[in-house]
Amino acid sequence: MTDDFDDDDFEETEVHIMIEPREDAIAKLGVDLDAFEEALSKAIDKRFEMIDGLGDEDEIPPIEETPITIGDRTFALKELADIVITDDEDDFDESE
């Protein structure tokens, strides 16, 4: 059996992700924005490490499910932020 898969069949696409904190949800938890941003940064770093360690793209959970640990509590990113994923950086309005 031959594999007709050819890496040249796929074009790499740059993806842009905007993560906008839900300040009301974060405030309800009694967490300040700086603590959220620090936890988010750590979570994104861990996500990249996990992705590098996986061989199968299908094993990568959606970014919305990225766990964020603040203090002794862990949340899915989607609980604390709105996430926009696009291949067009012009979709992000810098004035917001």
C-alpha atoms as a PDB file:
ATOM      1  CA  MET A   1       0.000   0.000   0.000  1.00  0.00           C
ATOM      2  CA  THR A   2       1.402   3.397  -0.926  1.00  0.00           C
ATOM      3  CA  ASP A   3       0.737   6.610   0.886  1.00  0.00           C
ATOM      4  CA  ASP A   4      -0.347   9.399  -1.453  1.00  0.00           C
ATOM      5  CA  PHE A   5       0.164  12.006   1.253  1.00  0.00           C
ATOM      6  CA  ASP A   6       2.503  14.786   0.235  1.00  0.00           C
ATOM      7  CA  ASP A   7       3.489  17.635   2.557  1.00  0.00           C
ATOM      8  CA  ASP A   8       3.493  19.939  -0.460  1.00  0.00           C
ATOM      9  CA  ASP A   9      -0.306  19.494  -0.672  1.00  0.00           C
ATOM     10  CA  PHE A  10      -0.743  21.624   2.443  1.00  0.00           C
ATOM     11  CA  GLU A  11      -0.145  25.331   2.717  1.00  0.00           C
ATOM     12  CA  GLU A  12       0.915  26.714   6.077  1.00  0.00           C
ATOM     13  CA  THR A  13      -1.444  29.364   7.364  1.00  0.00           C
ATOM     14  CA  GLU A  14      -0.536  31.881  10.008  1.00  0.00           C
ATOM     15  CA  VAL A  15      -3.221  31.988  12.650  1.00  0.00           C
ATOM     16  CA  HIS A  16      -3.907  34.951  14.914  1.00  0.00           C
ATOM     17  CA  ILE A  17      -5.505  34.532  18.311  1.00  0.00           C
ATOM     18  CA  MET A  18      -6.953  37.332  20.395  1.00  0.00           C
ATOM     19  CA  ILE A  19      -7.732  36.574  24.020  1.00  0.00           C
ATOM     20  CA  GLU A  20      -9.863  39.242  25.657  1.00  0.00           C
ATOM     21  CA  PRO A  21     -10.311  38.830  29.432  1.00  0.00           C
ATOM     22  CA  ARG A  22     -13.899  38.797  30.683  1.00  0.00           C
ATOM     23  CA  GLU A  23     -13.323  41.322  33.411  1.00  0.00           C
ATOM     24  CA  ASP A  24     -16.729  40.685  35.018  1.00  0.00           C
ATOM     25  CA  ALA A  25     -16.085  36.929  35.329  1.00  0.00           C
ATOM     26  CA  ILE A  26     -12.579  37.533  36.669  1.00  0.00           C
ATOM     27  CA  ALA A  27     -13.819  40.105  39.198  1.00  0.00           C
ATOM     28  CA  LYS A  28     -16.533  37.700  40.439  1.00  0.00           C
ATOM     29  CA  LEU A  29     -13.756  35.283  41.321  1.00  0.00           C
ATOM     30  CA  GLY A  30     -12.012  37.971  43.352  1.00  0.00           C
ATOM     31  CA  VAL A  31      -8.999  37.821  41.045  1.00  0.00           C
ATOM     32  CA  ASP A  32      -7.271  40.941  39.772  1.00  0.00           C
ATOM     33  CA  LEU A  33      -6.427  41.361  36.113  1.00  0.00           C
ATOM     34  CA  ASP A  34      -2.660  41.158  36.713  1.00  0.00           C
ATOM     35  CA  ALA A  35      -3.034  37.728  38.369  1.00  0.00           C
ATOM     36  CA  PHE A  36      -5.167  36.553  35.436  1.00  0.00           C
ATOM     37  CA  GLU A  37      -2.622  37.786  32.889  1.00  0.00           C
ATOM     38  CA  GLU A  38       0.211  36.046  34.737  1.00  0.00           C
ATOM     39  CA  ALA A  39      -1.782  32.788  34.920  1.00  0.00           C
ATOM     40  CA  LEU A  40      -2.694  33.106  31.230  1.00  0.00           C
ATOM     41  CA  SER A  41       0.934  33.561  30.244  1.00  0.00           C
ATOM     42  CA  LYS A  42       1.928  30.416  32.163  1.00  0.00           C
ATOM     43  CA  ALA A  43      -0.983  28.465  30.648  1.00  0.00           C
ATOM     44  CA  ILE A  44      -0.035  29.480  27.099  1.00  0.00           C
ATOM     45  CA  ASP A  45       3.605  28.491  27.736  1.00  0.00           C
ATOM     46  CA  LYS A  46       2.449  25.077  29.004  1.00  0.00           C
ATOM     47  CA  ARG A  47       0.184  24.709  25.970  1.00  0.00           C
ATOM     48  CA  PHE A  48       3.093  25.288  23.581  1.00  0.00           C
ATOM     49  CA  GLU A  49       5.192  22.759  25.499  1.00  0.00           C
ATOM     50  CA  MET A  50       2.357  20.226  25.246  1.00  0.00           C
ATOM     51  CA  ILE A  51       1.907  20.837  21.517  1.00  0.00           C
ATOM     52  CA  ASP A  52       5.635  20.371  20.916  1.00  0.00           C
ATOM     53  CA  GLY A  53       5.484  17.025  22.745  1.00  0.00           C
ATOM     54  CA  LEU A  54       2.518  15.635  20.805  1.00  0.00           C
ATOM     55  CA  GLY A  55       2.949  13.869  17.513  1.00  0.00           C
ATOM     56  CA  ASP A  56      -0.699  13.802  16.496  1.00  0.00           C
ATOM     57  CA  GLU A  57      -2.503  17.078  15.870  1.00  0.00           C
ATOM     58  CA  ASP A  58      -5.802  15.422  16.774  1.00  0.00           C
ATOM     59  CA  GLU A  59      -4.590  15.065  20.372  1.00  0.00           C
ATOM     60  CA  ILE A  60      -4.330  18.834  20.851  1.00  0.00           C
ATOM     61  CA  PRO A  61      -7.330  20.141  22.799  1.00  0.00           C
ATOM     62  CA  PRO A  62      -9.003  23.333  21.562  1.00  0.00           C
ATOM     63  CA  ILE A  63      -7.485  26.536  22.907  1.00  0.00           C
ATOM     64  CA  GLU A  64     -10.800  27.321  24.587  1.00  0.00           C
ATOM     65  CA  GLU A  65     -10.181  24.348  26.879  1.00  0.00           C
ATOM     66  CA  THR A  66      -6.700  25.495  27.937  1.00  0.00           C
ATOM     67  CA  PRO A  67      -6.562  25.170  31.726  1.00  0.00           C
ATOM     68  CA  ILE A  68      -5.785  28.351  33.644  1.00  0.00           C
ATOM     69  CA  THR A  69      -4.758  27.949  37.273  1.00  0.00           C
ATOM     70  CA  ILE A  70      -5.234  30.934  39.566  1.00  0.00           C
ATOM     71  CA  GLY A  71      -4.356  30.227  43.164  1.00  0.00           C
ATOM     72  CA  ASP A  72      -5.722  26.780  43.944  1.00  0.00           C
ATOM     73  CA  ARG A  73      -8.490  26.905  41.317  1.00  0.00           C
ATOM     74  CA  THR A  74      -8.355  25.803  37.680  1.00  0.00           C
ATOM     75  CA  PHE A  75     -10.650  27.076  34.936  1.00  0.00           C
ATOM     76  CA  ALA A  76     -11.043  26.528  31.205  1.00  0.00           C
ATOM     77  CA  LEU A  77      -9.842  29.609  29.304  1.00  0.00           C
ATOM     78  CA  LYS A  78     -13.322  30.018  27.780  1.00  0.00           C
ATOM     79  CA  GLU A  79     -14.708  30.652  31.292  1.00  0.00           C
ATOM     80  CA  LEU A  80     -12.526  33.707  31.794  1.00  0.00           C
ATOM     81  CA  ALA A  81     -11.953  35.152  28.329  1.00  0.00           C
ATOM     82  CA  ASP A  82     -13.422  35.626  24.887  1.00  0.00           C
ATOM     83  CA  ILE A  83     -11.278  34.044  22.184  1.00  0.00           C
ATOM     84  CA  VAL A  84     -11.132  35.021  18.519  1.00  0.00           C
ATOM     85  CA  ILE A  85      -9.164  32.873  16.068  1.00  0.00           C
ATOM     86  CA  THR A  86      -8.614  34.094  12.517  1.00  0.00           C
ATOM     87  CA  ASP A  87      -6.160  33.862   9.655  1.00  0.00           C
ATOM     88  CA  ASP A  88      -6.562  37.589   8.950  1.00  0.00           C
ATOM     89  CA  GLU A  89      -4.847  39.927  11.409  1.00  0.00           C
ATOM     90  CA  ASP A  90      -6.978  42.759  10.048  1.00  0.00           C
ATOM     91  CA  ASP A  91      -9.910  41.158  11.911  1.00  0.00           C
ATOM     92  CA  PHE A  92      -8.478  42.687  15.082  1.00  0.00           C
ATOM     93  CA  ASP A  93      -9.338  46.311  15.663  1.00  0.00           C
ATOM     94  CA  GLU A  94      -6.361  47.853  17.457  1.00  0.00           C
ATOM     95  CA  SER A  95      -8.491  50.740  18.730  1.00  0.00           C
ATOM     96  CA  GLU A  96     -10.535  48.540  21.099  1.00  0.00           C
END
